[in-house]
Amino acid sequence: MDCSLIISTYNWEKALELVILSSIRQSYLPVEIIVADDGSTDDTRKLIKSLCNKSPIPIIHSWQKDKGFRVAKSRNKAIAKAIGDYIILIDGDMILHKDFVRDHCSFSKPGYFVQGIRAKLSAKKVKKVFKTKQLNFKSFEGGIKNKRNSVRSNLFSYLFSGTRLFKRLSLLQTCNMAFFKNDCIKVNGFNEDFIGWGREDGEFGVRLMNIGIKRRDLKFKAIGYHIHHEGTSREMLEKNHQIYLKTLNNKLIWSNNGIDKHIKTGK
């Protein structure tokens, strides 16, 4: 399985460093890491350049101008650049278990996209993590708020992971999501009409399901440890929710403002 790991980021080098370091020590490496940068300053570019020297695989910096929260566009630009057949999306605040990529690739299945989980680190724990640059975590370790999500188990994953019998729309999150690149292109990627935080991930998932791509939930594997931070502004959430509802109610499958232009231009 040739997969590309795409990391979304914006001006948080301290977290991004740990995320990339956890990505380049995977037991099964992706063919590349692409940082989908939504307009960070030059400090992020310098960090990525320094980490390229430590990485056994290419790290590509996909950057766009800072014009507000435009994560849908930054992800599309990164996906358009990807050479992997399979895309794994994470946020730049997710430290990965060493078997994260292996778990996703072994769980992949044509005709499906995958929603993973995350274990949340407390604010107090995050201070220690940054100080020590901790990358390894134990199940039920102190400072993990939802400890169940820190357990990696072949048996539990077999029992609790799998396909949803019905179209489950809740908790569609790109902090830990995977899909085939060709399926993404069929629905024209993420809808770049989404500006500001919220709903672009759920709307993308709805369009995938509308063309018959089913959802699989991966539990007790592919664990990411979420670095606590203050929430992003929700001022655009209601407008974004209306875009989501339009797609849902009209059973739309295509975004008119999507990935196709980036594939054509290479930008």
Protein backbone atom coordinates (compact mmCIF):
# COMPACT_ATOMS: atom_id res chain seq x y z
CA MET A 1 0.00 0.00 0.00
CA ASP A 2 1.49 3.32 -1.13
CA CYS A 3 0.02 5.94 1.16
CA SER A 4 0.60 9.64 1.66
CA LEU A 5 0.33 11.12 5.16
CA ILE A 6 -1.05 14.67 5.11
CA ILE A 7 -0.71 16.92 8.16
CA SER A 8 -2.74 20.13 8.45
CA THR A 9 -1.04 22.99 10.27
CA TYR A 10 -1.10 26.69 11.01
CA ASN A 11 1.54 28.54 13.06
CA TRP A 12 2.18 25.95 15.77
CA GLU A 13 5.73 24.76 15.21
CA LYS A 14 6.11 23.28 18.69
CA ALA A 15 3.28 20.83 18.09
CA LEU A 16 4.11 20.20 14.44
CA GLU A 17 7.64 19.13 15.34
CA LEU A 18 6.35 16.32 17.58
CA VAL A 19 3.77 15.28 15.00
CA ILE A 20 6.38 14.98 12.25
CA LEU A 21 8.87 13.23 14.52
CA SER A 22 6.20 10.66 15.39
CA SER A 23 5.44 10.28 11.67
CA ILE A 24 8.99 9.52 10.53
CA ARG A 25 9.48 6.78 13.13
CA GLN A 26 6.49 4.73 11.97
CA SER A 27 6.85 0.94 11.84
CA TYR A 28 5.41 1.16 8.32
CA LEU A 29 6.35 4.38 6.59
CA PRO A 30 4.18 6.30 4.16
CA VAL A 31 5.79 7.13 0.81
CA GLU A 32 5.76 10.80 1.79
CA ILE A 33 4.62 13.34 4.34
CA ILE A 34 2.86 16.44 3.05
CA VAL A 35 2.34 19.37 5.39
CA ALA A 36 -0.84 21.18 4.36
CA ASP A 37 -0.01 24.66 5.62
CA ASP A 38 -2.83 27.21 5.81
CA GLY A 39 -0.53 30.25 5.70
CA SER A 40 2.00 29.87 8.52
CA THR A 41 4.93 32.24 8.90
CA ASP A 42 8.48 31.42 7.84
CA ASP A 43 9.19 29.69 11.16
CA THR A 44 7.16 26.69 10.02
CA ARG A 45 9.07 26.48 6.75
CA LYS A 46 12.37 26.51 8.65
CA LEU A 47 11.17 23.74 10.97
CA ILE A 48 10.11 21.53 8.07
CA LYS A 49 13.41 22.11 6.31
CA SER A 50 15.35 21.09 9.42
CA LEU A 51 13.27 17.93 9.87
CA CYS A 52 13.79 16.90 6.24
CA ASN A 53 17.39 16.09 7.17
CA LYS A 54 16.19 13.60 9.80
CA SER A 55 13.52 11.95 7.68
CA PRO A 56 13.92 8.71 5.69
CA ILE A 57 11.04 9.82 3.42
CA PRO A 58 10.27 13.09 1.61
CA ILE A 59 8.57 15.85 3.58
CA ILE A 60 6.75 18.24 1.25
CA HIS A 61 5.63 21.69 2.37
CA SER A 62 2.36 22.66 0.67
CA TRP A 63 1.76 26.30 1.58
CA GLN A 64 -0.89 28.92 0.75
CA LYS A 65 -1.29 32.57 1.68
CA ASP A 66 -2.87 33.39 5.01
CA LYS A 67 -6.37 34.62 4.17
CA GLY A 68 -8.14 33.23 7.19
CA PHE A 69 -9.10 29.66 8.05
CA ARG A 70 -9.11 27.80 4.70
CA VAL A 71 -8.25 24.25 5.68
CA ALA A 72 -10.44 22.76 2.92
CA LYS A 73 -8.30 24.43 0.27
CA SER A 74 -5.01 23.59 1.97
CA ARG A 75 -6.00 19.92 2.15
CA ASN A 76 -7.04 19.88 -1.51
CA LYS A 77 -3.71 21.36 -2.56
CA ALA A 78 -1.85 18.74 -0.55
CA ILE A 79 -3.96 15.84 -1.84
CA ALA A 80 -3.44 17.03 -5.42
CA LYS A 81 0.34 16.77 -4.86
CA ALA A 82 0.15 13.32 -3.26
CA ILE A 83 1.66 10.33 -5.07
CA GLY A 84 0.14 7.73 -2.75
CA ASP A 85 -2.96 5.78 -3.78
CA TYR A 86 -4.22 6.01 -0.21
CA ILE A 87 -4.49 9.25 1.78
CA ILE A 88 -4.27 9.48 5.56
CA LEU A 89 -5.27 12.86 7.01
CA ILE A 90 -4.29 14.09 10.44
CA ASP A 91 -4.15 17.47 12.15
CA GLY A 92 -0.94 19.14 13.25
CA ASP A 93 -1.81 18.46 16.88
CA MET A 94 -1.77 14.65 16.71
CA ILE A 95 1.22 12.67 17.97
CA LEU A 96 1.04 9.26 16.32
CA HIS A 97 1.43 5.81 17.83
CA LYS A 98 4.33 4.05 16.07
CA ASP A 99 1.91 1.64 14.31
CA PHE A 100 -0.53 4.36 13.25
CA VAL A 101 0.17 4.16 9.50
CA ARG A 102 0.45 0.35 9.53
CA ASP A 103 -2.94 0.08 11.25
CA HIS A 104 -4.61 2.34 8.71
CA CYS A 105 -3.11 0.59 5.70
CA SER A 106 -4.00 -2.89 6.98
CA PHE A 107 -7.59 -1.74 7.62
CA SER A 108 -8.06 -0.10 4.21
CA LYS A 109 -10.56 -1.63 1.81
CA PRO A 110 -11.70 -0.55 -1.68
CA GLY A 111 -15.11 1.10 -1.58
CA TYR A 112 -14.65 2.45 1.94
CA PHE A 113 -13.24 5.41 3.83
CA VAL A 114 -12.07 5.15 7.43
CA GLN A 115 -12.72 7.25 10.51
CA GLY A 116 -10.21 6.82 13.32
CA ILE A 117 -10.09 7.93 16.95
CA ARG A 118 -7.90 10.11 19.16
CA ALA A 119 -6.78 10.04 22.76
CA LYS A 120 -6.85 13.52 24.31
CA LEU A 121 -3.94 14.83 26.36
CA SER A 122 -4.77 17.20 29.20
CA ALA A 123 -3.39 20.74 29.31
CA LYS A 124 -1.14 19.79 32.22
CA LYS A 125 0.13 16.72 30.37
CA VAL A 126 0.86 18.76 27.24
CA LYS A 127 3.27 21.00 29.18
CA LYS A 128 5.29 17.93 30.14
CA VAL A 129 5.10 16.52 26.62
CA PHE A 130 6.53 19.70 25.13
CA LYS A 131 9.27 19.86 27.76
CA THR A 132 10.42 16.26 27.26
CA LYS A 133 9.35 15.91 23.61
CA GLN A 134 7.52 12.73 24.53
CA LEU A 135 6.45 10.56 21.59
CA ASN A 136 5.60 7.26 23.30
CA PHE A 137 2.55 6.83 25.51
CA LYS A 138 1.23 3.88 27.48
CA SER A 139 -2.39 2.80 27.68
CA PHE A 140 -4.13 4.47 30.64
CA GLU A 141 -1.13 6.75 31.18
CA GLY A 142 -1.74 9.70 33.46
CA GLY A 143 -2.77 12.86 31.65
CA ILE A 144 -4.86 11.09 29.00
CA LYS A 145 -8.44 12.23 29.46
CA ASN A 146 -10.32 9.55 27.48
CA LYS A 147 -8.15 6.58 28.42
CA ARG A 148 -10.21 4.03 26.48
CA ASN A 149 -8.94 5.57 23.25
CA SER A 150 -5.34 5.00 24.35
CA VAL A 151 -5.71 1.21 24.25
CA ARG A 152 -4.32 -0.59 21.20
CA SER A 153 -5.64 -4.14 21.01
CA ASN A 154 -5.94 -6.58 18.11
CA LEU A 155 -8.84 -8.37 19.80
CA PHE A 156 -10.79 -5.24 20.73
CA SER A 157 -10.17 -3.76 17.30
CA TYR A 158 -11.52 -6.91 15.66
CA LEU A 159 -14.61 -6.86 17.86
CA PHE A 160 -15.46 -3.16 17.69
CA SER A 161 -14.17 -1.90 14.32
CA GLY A 162 -15.98 -2.27 11.04
CA THR A 163 -18.63 -0.99 8.67
CA ARG A 164 -21.63 0.92 9.94
CA LEU A 165 -24.96 -0.66 8.95
CA PHE A 166 -26.45 2.79 8.49
CA LYS A 167 -24.99 6.07 7.23
CA ARG A 168 -23.49 7.43 10.41
CA LEU A 169 -22.82 11.16 10.03
CA SER A 170 -21.67 11.97 13.55
CA LEU A 171 -18.01 12.46 14.44
CA LEU A 172 -16.70 12.71 10.89
CA GLN A 173 -13.34 14.29 11.60
CA THR A 174 -10.26 14.77 9.46
CA CYS A 175 -7.99 14.71 12.52
CA ASN A 176 -7.79 10.95 11.83
CA MET A 177 -9.34 9.94 8.49
CA ALA A 178 -8.24 7.85 5.52
CA PHE A 179 -9.54 7.24 1.99
CA PHE A 180 -8.45 6.31 -1.51
CA LYS A 181 -7.29 9.27 -3.56
CA ASN A 182 -9.40 8.23 -6.55
CA ASP A 183 -12.55 8.26 -4.38
CA CYS A 184 -11.65 11.77 -3.24
CA ILE A 185 -11.29 12.92 -6.85
CA LYS A 186 -14.68 11.40 -7.76
CA VAL A 187 -16.41 13.89 -5.43
CA ASN A 188 -13.94 16.70 -6.27
CA GLY A 189 -12.25 16.73 -2.89
CA PHE A 190 -13.10 19.14 -0.11
CA ASN A 191 -15.50 22.00 -0.73
CA GLU A 192 -13.50 25.23 -0.66
CA ASP A 193 -16.64 27.27 -0.04
CA PHE A 194 -16.00 26.39 3.60
CA ILE A 195 -14.22 29.30 5.27
CA GLY A 196 -13.64 29.21 9.01
CA TRP A 197 -13.85 26.26 11.38
CA GLY A 198 -16.36 23.48 11.04
CA ARG A 199 -18.32 21.03 8.87
CA GLU A 200 -15.95 20.75 5.88
CA ASP A 201 -14.95 17.26 7.03
CA GLY A 202 -18.52 16.07 7.57
CA GLU A 203 -19.69 17.47 4.23
CA PHE A 204 -16.84 15.67 2.45
CA GLY A 205 -17.82 12.41 4.13
CA VAL A 206 -21.46 12.86 3.11
CA ARG A 207 -20.50 13.24 -0.55
CA LEU A 208 -18.36 10.10 -0.37
CA MET A 209 -21.31 8.17 1.04
CA ASN A 210 -23.60 9.64 -1.62
CA ILE A 211 -21.53 7.93 -4.34
CA GLY A 212 -21.62 4.64 -2.47
CA ILE A 213 -18.34 4.82 -0.55
CA LYS A 214 -19.12 3.35 2.85
CA ARG A 215 -17.75 4.35 6.22
CA ARG A 216 -15.61 2.07 8.37
CA ASP A 217 -14.74 2.97 11.94
CA LEU A 218 -11.28 1.95 13.20
CA LYS A 219 -11.17 1.54 16.96
CA PHE A 220 -8.42 0.39 19.32
CA LYS A 221 -5.84 0.92 16.57
CA ALA A 222 -4.32 3.83 14.60
CA ILE A 223 -4.13 5.84 17.81
CA GLY A 224 -3.32 9.53 17.72
CA TYR A 225 -2.67 11.57 20.87
CA HIS A 226 -4.33 14.97 20.62
CA ILE A 227 -2.32 17.91 21.97
CA HIS A 228 -4.66 20.11 23.98
CA HIS A 229 -5.12 23.69 22.77
CA GLU A 230 -7.67 26.47 22.95
CA GLY A 231 -10.58 26.14 20.54
CA THR A 232 -10.71 27.93 17.19
CA SER A 233 -13.31 30.62 16.55
CA ARG A 234 -16.76 29.22 15.65
CA GLU A 235 -18.07 32.43 14.10
CA MET A 236 -18.49 30.83 10.66
CA LEU A 237 -20.00 27.60 11.96
CA GLU A 238 -23.64 28.43 11.17
CA LYS A 239 -22.85 29.45 7.60
CA ASN A 240 -20.78 26.31 7.14
CA HIS A 241 -23.55 24.20 8.63
CA GLN A 242 -25.93 25.47 5.96
CA ILE A 243 -23.52 24.31 3.23
CA TYR A 244 -23.39 20.94 4.95
CA LEU A 245 -27.20 20.73 5.12
CA LYS A 246 -27.52 21.61 1.43
CA THR A 247 -25.26 18.70 0.53
CA LEU A 248 -27.07 16.37 2.91
CA ASN A 249 -30.62 17.28 1.90
CA ASN A 250 -29.94 17.39 -1.85
CA LYS A 251 -27.75 14.29 -1.86
CA LEU A 252 -24.97 16.15 -3.64
CA ILE A 253 -21.87 14.28 -4.78
CA TRP A 254 -19.77 17.02 -6.41
CA SER A 255 -18.25 20.27 -5.17
CA ASN A 256 -18.02 22.98 -7.81
CA ASN A 257 -15.18 24.55 -5.83
CA GLY A 258 -12.91 21.60 -5.21
CA ILE A 259 -9.68 19.80 -5.98
CA ASP A 260 -9.90 19.64 -9.78
CA LYS A 261 -8.30 23.05 -10.35
CA HIS A 262 -5.28 22.11 -8.22
CA ILE A 263 -4.82 18.85 -10.12
CA LYS A 264 -4.97 20.69 -13.45
CA THR A 265 -2.57 23.47 -12.50
CA GLY A 266 -0.38 21.60 -10.03
CA LYS A 267 -0.85 24.48 -7.56
